[in-house]
Amino acid sequence: MKKTIFMLGIASAILAGCESDEKVENASQEDQISNVSARRSCASDEVLKEQMANDPQLAMKIAKIEAFTQSKLSENFQSRLVNGVIEIPVVVNVLYKTTAENISQAQIQSQIDILNKDFNATNSDFNNVPSAFSGVKANVGIRFVLDQVVRKSTNKTSWGTRDAMKKTAQGGLNPLSPTTKLNLWVCTIGGGILGYAQFPGGSSATDGVVIDSKYFGSTGTATYPYNLGRTATHEVGHWMNLRHIWGDATCGTDFCNDTPSHNTANYGAPAFPHYSTCSGNPIEMTMNYMDYVDDRAMYMFSTDQKSRMLAIFQAGGPRYSFAQ
């Protein structure tokens, strides 16, 4: 009975977060569309809410994944390792109408390189983490290897967030080996959305991450202030079970004890220290990859975020198939 109540509590927290996030995003939608450079917009939680509405069992499934994650946080991680690092093959699916949208191999490789730096704490700005958070800044220890690039010409000007780009029958591209490879779709999303990810627990038929071609990598079509590849870092964080740092609610929870409570999302490049009005008035970790700040202003994961990500690859975890 206690276990059921615990999981229902988690499900309620997740649903509440999705509701709050939708209100924030809807309130600023006009601003996001008219001036996307001023507002980062990730649709991951909005997509999750829609998936839950279509599948009433998904909320409980995700609650079980959260309970599993919490139970594993203190255990040693065992997985498929290459020189001590988890290695994930990446398939990049490029859907393009214009020549610019058919991004170059160099732009694709720049994104893979950025993911490797950000998830292994070799990014040059990692040293910019303030001393207040130096004790919890983390090297996640995950390597990404470009497996293949699939390209497809299309007549679509934008794809939206209902996973059409992931379905060949709808003009997109079905994911390749989604239980053993991370699929990235690069296309024009529209609506001011930079990207979105599917959280662990969703259907393998739509599993992966979508990034708008204007915010992918650090060269070619990559557009300031989202031209350093951090949109993919943020979205892959979601794919690995990380929540937005403000918990998608005022002073909400991201299920990490070492990330301070945030009032809401931060934008631009906030000056340090930036204080929250949440309980205790903590300094917000605005430089965390799971905030909404500009690419130049985000450059760290925390230790608890690292633990959450590694937990999903353990035996019984939702992404264990990647670790075999």
Protein backbone atom coordinates (compact mmCIF):
# COMPACT_ATOMS: atom_id res chain seq x y z
CA MET A 1 0.00 0.00 0.00
CA LYS A 2 2.80 2.44 0.94
CA LYS A 3 4.57 1.71 -2.36
CA THR A 4 1.37 2.44 -4.31
CA ILE A 5 0.82 5.71 -2.42
CA PHE A 6 4.47 6.69 -3.05
CA MET A 7 4.15 6.10 -6.79
CA LEU A 8 0.84 7.95 -6.96
CA GLY A 9 2.53 10.86 -5.20
CA ILE A 10 5.29 10.91 -7.79
CA ALA A 11 2.75 10.70 -10.61
CA SER A 12 0.84 13.63 -9.13
CA ALA A 13 4.03 15.69 -8.86
CA ILE A 14 4.89 14.94 -12.50
CA LEU A 15 1.40 15.84 -13.70
CA ALA A 16 1.36 19.03 -11.61
CA GLY A 17 4.69 20.02 -13.10
CA CYS A 18 3.40 19.47 -16.61
CA GLU A 19 0.34 21.61 -15.93
CA SER A 20 2.44 24.46 -14.55
CA ASP A 21 4.87 24.29 -17.45
CA GLU A 22 2.03 24.48 -19.96
CA LYS A 23 0.72 27.67 -18.34
CA VAL A 24 4.14 29.30 -18.46
CA GLU A 25 4.76 28.27 -22.05
CA ASN A 26 1.30 29.31 -23.25
CA ALA A 27 1.63 32.67 -21.52
CA SER A 28 4.84 33.46 -23.38
CA GLN A 29 4.10 31.69 -26.69
CA GLU A 30 3.62 34.93 -28.64
CA ASP A 31 6.92 36.26 -27.34
CA GLN A 32 8.68 33.00 -28.19
CA ILE A 33 7.42 33.00 -31.76
CA SER A 34 8.09 36.69 -32.41
CA ASN A 35 11.54 36.74 -30.79
CA VAL A 36 12.82 33.22 -30.32
CA SER A 37 16.34 34.43 -29.50
CA ALA A 38 15.01 35.95 -26.26
CA ARG A 39 13.34 32.80 -24.92
CA ARG A 40 14.52 29.22 -24.91
CA SER A 41 11.55 26.91 -25.33
CA CYS A 42 11.73 23.16 -24.76
CA ALA A 43 8.54 21.18 -25.40
CA SER A 44 9.55 17.98 -23.58
CA ASP A 45 7.14 18.36 -20.67
CA GLU A 46 4.31 19.52 -22.91
CA VAL A 47 4.81 16.43 -25.09
CA LEU A 48 4.91 14.23 -21.99
CA LYS A 49 1.60 15.68 -20.81
CA GLU A 50 0.01 14.93 -24.16
CA GLN A 51 1.40 11.38 -24.13
CA MET A 52 -0.07 10.87 -20.65
CA ALA A 53 -3.44 12.12 -21.83
CA ASN A 54 -3.37 9.60 -24.67
CA ASP A 55 -2.09 6.76 -22.48
CA PRO A 56 -3.53 6.76 -18.94
CA GLN A 57 -1.03 4.07 -17.88
CA LEU A 58 2.01 6.19 -18.75
CA ALA A 59 1.89 8.33 -15.61
CA MET A 60 2.08 5.24 -13.40
CA LYS A 61 4.83 3.77 -15.59
CA ILE A 62 6.91 6.92 -15.21
CA ALA A 63 6.20 6.93 -11.47
CA LYS A 64 7.60 3.39 -11.30
CA ILE A 65 10.69 4.53 -13.20
CA GLU A 66 11.12 7.34 -10.68
CA ALA A 67 10.78 4.91 -7.78
CA PHE A 68 13.36 2.64 -9.44
CA THR A 69 15.68 5.60 -9.96
CA GLN A 70 15.47 6.64 -6.34
CA SER A 71 16.20 3.08 -5.21
CA LYS A 72 19.34 2.92 -7.35
CA LEU A 73 20.91 6.28 -6.60
CA SER A 74 23.19 4.94 -3.89
CA GLU A 75 24.31 1.82 -5.79
CA ASN A 76 27.41 1.38 -7.94
CA PHE A 77 26.67 1.63 -11.63
CA GLN A 78 27.50 -1.33 -13.85
CA SER A 79 27.16 -1.08 -17.61
CA ARG A 80 28.79 -1.55 -20.96
CA LEU A 81 31.96 0.50 -20.64
CA VAL A 82 34.63 1.58 -23.10
CA ASN A 83 37.69 2.77 -21.17
CA GLY A 84 35.49 3.41 -18.16
CA VAL A 85 32.85 5.43 -20.03
CA ILE A 86 29.32 4.50 -21.14
CA GLU A 87 29.17 4.60 -24.93
CA ILE A 88 25.96 5.41 -26.82
CA PRO A 89 25.65 5.09 -30.62
CA VAL A 90 23.83 8.05 -32.19
CA VAL A 91 21.69 8.07 -35.34
CA VAL A 92 21.07 11.53 -36.80
CA ASN A 93 17.94 11.79 -38.94
CA VAL A 94 17.99 14.95 -41.08
CA LEU A 95 14.68 16.10 -42.58
CA TYR A 96 15.07 19.05 -44.92
CA LYS A 97 13.14 21.17 -47.38
CA THR A 98 15.80 23.78 -48.04
CA THR A 99 19.53 23.44 -48.65
CA ALA A 100 20.20 25.15 -45.33
CA GLU A 101 18.10 22.58 -43.46
CA ASN A 102 20.17 19.78 -45.01
CA ILE A 103 22.91 20.48 -42.49
CA SER A 104 26.49 19.46 -43.22
CA GLN A 105 28.40 16.51 -41.83
CA ALA A 106 30.67 19.04 -40.12
CA GLN A 107 27.71 20.57 -38.27
CA ILE A 108 26.53 17.14 -37.21
CA GLN A 109 29.98 16.21 -35.95
CA SER A 110 30.22 19.49 -34.04
CA GLN A 111 27.12 18.46 -32.10
CA ILE A 112 28.50 15.03 -31.28
CA ASP A 113 31.72 16.67 -30.10
CA ILE A 114 29.78 19.08 -27.88
CA LEU A 115 27.76 16.27 -26.30
CA ASN A 116 31.00 14.44 -25.52
CA LYS A 117 32.52 17.53 -23.91
CA ASP A 118 29.44 18.45 -21.90
CA PHE A 119 28.80 14.93 -20.59
CA ASN A 120 32.47 14.37 -19.73
CA ALA A 121 33.21 17.77 -18.17
CA THR A 122 35.81 18.66 -20.80
CA ASN A 123 33.88 21.72 -22.03
CA SER A 124 36.10 24.79 -21.74
CA ASP A 125 33.53 26.70 -19.65
CA PHE A 126 33.27 23.93 -17.03
CA ASN A 127 35.90 25.88 -15.11
CA ASN A 128 33.47 28.80 -14.90
CA VAL A 129 31.30 26.93 -12.36
CA PRO A 130 31.17 29.19 -9.28
CA SER A 131 32.86 27.99 -6.09
CA ALA A 132 29.42 27.77 -4.47
CA PHE A 133 28.70 24.76 -6.73
CA SER A 134 32.21 23.38 -7.24
CA GLY A 135 31.53 20.56 -4.79
CA VAL A 136 28.63 19.19 -6.85
CA LYS A 137 29.71 19.81 -10.47
CA ALA A 138 29.87 16.46 -12.20
CA ASN A 139 31.58 14.49 -14.94
CA VAL A 140 28.71 12.25 -16.06
CA GLY A 141 30.96 9.87 -17.99
CA ILE A 142 28.94 9.11 -21.11
CA ARG A 143 30.42 9.02 -24.61
CA PHE A 144 28.43 9.54 -27.81
CA VAL A 145 29.56 7.96 -31.08
CA LEU A 146 28.04 8.92 -34.42
CA ASP A 147 26.62 5.69 -35.80
CA GLN A 148 25.02 6.95 -39.02
CA VAL A 149 23.31 9.88 -40.70
CA VAL A 150 20.01 9.41 -42.55
CA ARG A 151 18.78 12.22 -44.80
CA LYS A 152 15.36 12.75 -46.34
CA SER A 153 13.99 15.55 -48.51
CA THR A 154 10.51 16.74 -47.54
CA ASN A 155 7.91 19.32 -48.53
CA LYS A 156 7.09 20.21 -44.93
CA THR A 157 7.96 23.71 -43.74
CA SER A 158 7.60 22.74 -40.06
CA TRP A 159 6.92 19.57 -38.09
CA GLY A 160 5.44 20.59 -34.74
CA THR A 161 5.74 18.47 -31.61
CA ARG A 162 3.44 15.53 -32.30
CA ASP A 163 6.22 13.19 -33.45
CA ALA A 164 5.38 13.28 -37.16
CA MET A 165 9.11 13.57 -37.95
CA LYS A 166 9.59 10.18 -36.26
CA LYS A 167 7.12 8.36 -38.51
CA THR A 168 7.85 7.36 -42.10
CA ALA A 169 4.12 7.06 -42.73
CA GLN A 170 3.75 10.76 -41.92
CA GLY A 171 6.65 11.86 -44.09
CA GLY A 172 9.34 11.55 -41.45
CA LEU A 173 11.82 8.82 -40.58
CA ASN A 174 11.17 5.91 -38.25
CA PRO A 175 13.82 5.56 -35.52
CA LEU A 176 16.60 3.06 -36.17
CA SER A 177 17.23 0.50 -33.39
CA PRO A 178 15.77 2.84 -30.73
CA THR A 179 16.41 0.40 -27.87
CA THR A 180 20.16 0.40 -28.52
CA LYS A 181 20.78 3.71 -30.34
CA LEU A 182 19.92 7.29 -29.51
CA ASN A 183 17.99 8.76 -32.43
CA LEU A 184 18.22 12.51 -33.04
CA TRP A 185 15.89 14.17 -35.53
CA VAL A 186 17.06 17.47 -37.01
CA CYS A 187 14.31 19.48 -38.69
CA THR A 188 12.35 22.72 -38.51
CA ILE A 189 10.01 22.32 -35.54
CA GLY A 190 8.25 25.69 -35.63
CA GLY A 191 6.30 27.57 -32.93
CA GLY A 192 9.45 28.91 -31.29
CA ILE A 193 10.42 25.43 -30.06
CA LEU A 194 14.16 24.70 -29.99
CA GLY A 195 13.79 21.00 -29.23
CA TYR A 196 12.08 18.29 -27.26
CA ALA A 197 12.86 14.81 -25.96
CA GLN A 198 10.95 11.71 -24.99
CA PHE A 199 11.44 10.76 -21.35
CA PRO A 200 12.24 7.16 -20.41
CA GLY A 201 9.08 5.06 -20.35
CA GLY A 202 7.55 6.18 -23.63
CA SER A 203 7.07 4.09 -26.76
CA SER A 204 10.23 2.92 -28.51
CA ALA A 205 8.51 3.80 -31.80
CA THR A 206 8.92 7.50 -30.97
CA ASP A 207 11.94 7.39 -28.66
CA GLY A 208 14.66 9.97 -29.10
CA VAL A 209 15.33 13.69 -29.31
CA VAL A 210 14.21 16.36 -31.79
CA ILE A 211 16.31 19.50 -32.38
CA ASP A 212 15.53 22.39 -34.70
CA SER A 213 18.23 22.66 -37.36
CA LYS A 214 18.90 26.30 -36.37
CA TYR A 215 20.05 25.21 -32.91
CA PHE A 216 22.01 22.05 -33.69
CA GLY A 217 25.79 22.03 -33.22
CA SER A 218 28.05 25.07 -33.35
CA THR A 219 28.59 25.76 -37.04
CA GLY A 220 26.56 26.06 -40.24
CA THR A 221 22.96 27.06 -39.44
CA ALA A 222 23.52 27.25 -35.65
CA THR A 223 21.97 30.56 -34.55
CA TYR A 224 22.96 32.80 -31.61
CA PRO A 225 22.27 32.69 -28.67
CA TYR A 226 21.67 28.94 -29.10
CA ASN A 227 24.68 28.27 -31.31
CA LEU A 228 26.87 26.22 -28.95
CA GLY A 229 25.01 22.92 -29.14
CA ARG A 230 23.54 23.12 -25.65
CA THR A 231 19.96 22.55 -26.84
CA ALA A 232 20.93 18.94 -27.57
CA THR A 233 22.73 18.68 -24.22
CA HIS A 234 19.55 19.89 -22.48
CA GLU A 235 17.26 17.55 -24.44
CA VAL A 236 19.50 14.50 -24.08
CA GLY A 237 19.40 15.27 -20.35
CA HIS A 238 15.61 14.84 -20.53
CA TRP A 239 16.04 11.64 -22.54
CA MET A 240 18.17 10.43 -19.63
CA ASN A 241 15.43 11.27 -17.10
CA LEU A 242 16.41 14.77 -15.98
CA ARG A 243 13.71 17.34 -15.25
CA HIS A 244 13.90 21.08 -15.70
CA ILE A 245 15.78 22.53 -12.76
CA TRP A 246 12.76 24.52 -11.53
CA GLY A 247 10.63 21.37 -11.56
CA ASP A 248 8.15 22.89 -14.07
CA ALA A 249 6.37 24.63 -11.20
CA THR A 250 7.11 27.56 -8.91
CA CYS A 251 9.78 26.23 -6.53
CA GLY A 252 9.03 22.75 -7.88
CA THR A 253 11.23 19.66 -7.63
CA ASP A 254 13.62 18.19 -10.18
CA PHE A 255 14.14 15.19 -7.83
CA CYS A 256 17.78 16.22 -7.23
CA ASN A 257 18.85 17.20 -3.72
CA ASP A 258 21.94 19.14 -4.79
CA THR A 259 20.22 21.57 -7.18
CA PRO A 260 18.75 24.65 -5.44
CA SER A 261 15.06 25.43 -5.68
CA HIS A 262 14.30 27.82 -8.55
CA ASN A 263 11.32 30.13 -8.79
CA THR A 264 10.93 29.37 -12.49
CA ALA A 265 13.03 29.17 -15.65
CA ASN A 266 15.86 31.64 -16.17
CA TYR A 267 16.66 33.21 -19.53
CA GLY A 268 19.56 35.03 -21.12
CA ALA A 269 22.79 35.08 -19.10
CA PRO A 270 21.92 35.89 -15.46
CA ALA A 271 24.59 37.54 -13.35
CA PHE A 272 25.90 35.47 -10.44
CA PRO A 273 24.65 35.21 -7.75
CA HIS A 274 21.00 35.05 -8.75
CA TYR A 275 18.84 34.42 -5.69
CA SER A 276 15.59 32.49 -5.51
CA THR A 277 12.67 33.56 -3.34
CA CYS A 278 11.95 29.90 -2.61
CA SER A 279 12.42 28.66 0.95
CA GLY A 280 15.84 29.66 2.26
CA ASN A 281 16.48 32.10 -0.62
CA PRO A 282 19.09 29.85 -2.24
CA ILE A 283 21.42 30.93 -5.01
CA GLU A 284 19.97 29.48 -8.21
CA MET A 285 22.14 27.17 -10.32
CA THR A 286 21.42 29.14 -13.47
CA MET A 287 24.43 27.65 -15.26
CA ASN A 288 22.91 24.17 -15.11
CA TYR A 289 22.15 22.55 -18.47
CA MET A 290 18.54 21.97 -17.38
CA ASP A 291 17.69 25.67 -17.03
CA TYR A 292 16.54 27.83 -19.97
CA VAL A 293 19.51 30.21 -20.16
CA ASP A 294 21.47 30.95 -23.34
CA ASP A 295 23.98 28.36 -24.56
CA ARG A 296 26.90 30.54 -23.40
CA ALA A 297 25.46 30.61 -19.87
CA MET A 298 24.95 26.86 -19.22
CA TYR A 299 27.89 24.58 -18.55
CA MET A 300 27.32 22.00 -15.78
CA PHE A 301 25.42 18.99 -14.53
CA SER A 302 25.25 18.23 -10.80
CA THR A 303 26.26 15.06 -8.96
CA ASP A 304 22.64 14.06 -8.30
CA GLN A 305 21.76 14.66 -11.94
CA LYS A 306 24.63 12.37 -12.89
CA SER A 307 23.28 9.69 -10.55
CA ARG A 308 19.79 9.97 -12.04
CA MET A 309 21.15 9.56 -15.56
CA LEU A 310 23.33 6.58 -14.72
CA ALA A 311 20.52 4.86 -12.81
CA ILE A 312 18.37 4.36 -15.92
CA PHE A 313 21.09 2.24 -17.52
CA GLN A 314 21.23 -0.24 -14.65
CA ALA A 315 19.64 -3.70 -14.74
CA GLY A 316 15.89 -3.22 -14.59
CA GLY A 317 16.16 0.39 -15.69
CA PRO A 318 14.27 1.83 -18.68
CA ARG A 319 17.42 2.20 -20.79
CA TYR A 320 19.26 -0.93 -19.69
CA SER A 321 19.23 -2.22 -23.27
CA PHE A 322 21.82 0.45 -24.09
CA ALA A 323 24.17 -1.01 -21.50
CA GLN A 324 24.39 -4.61 -22.79
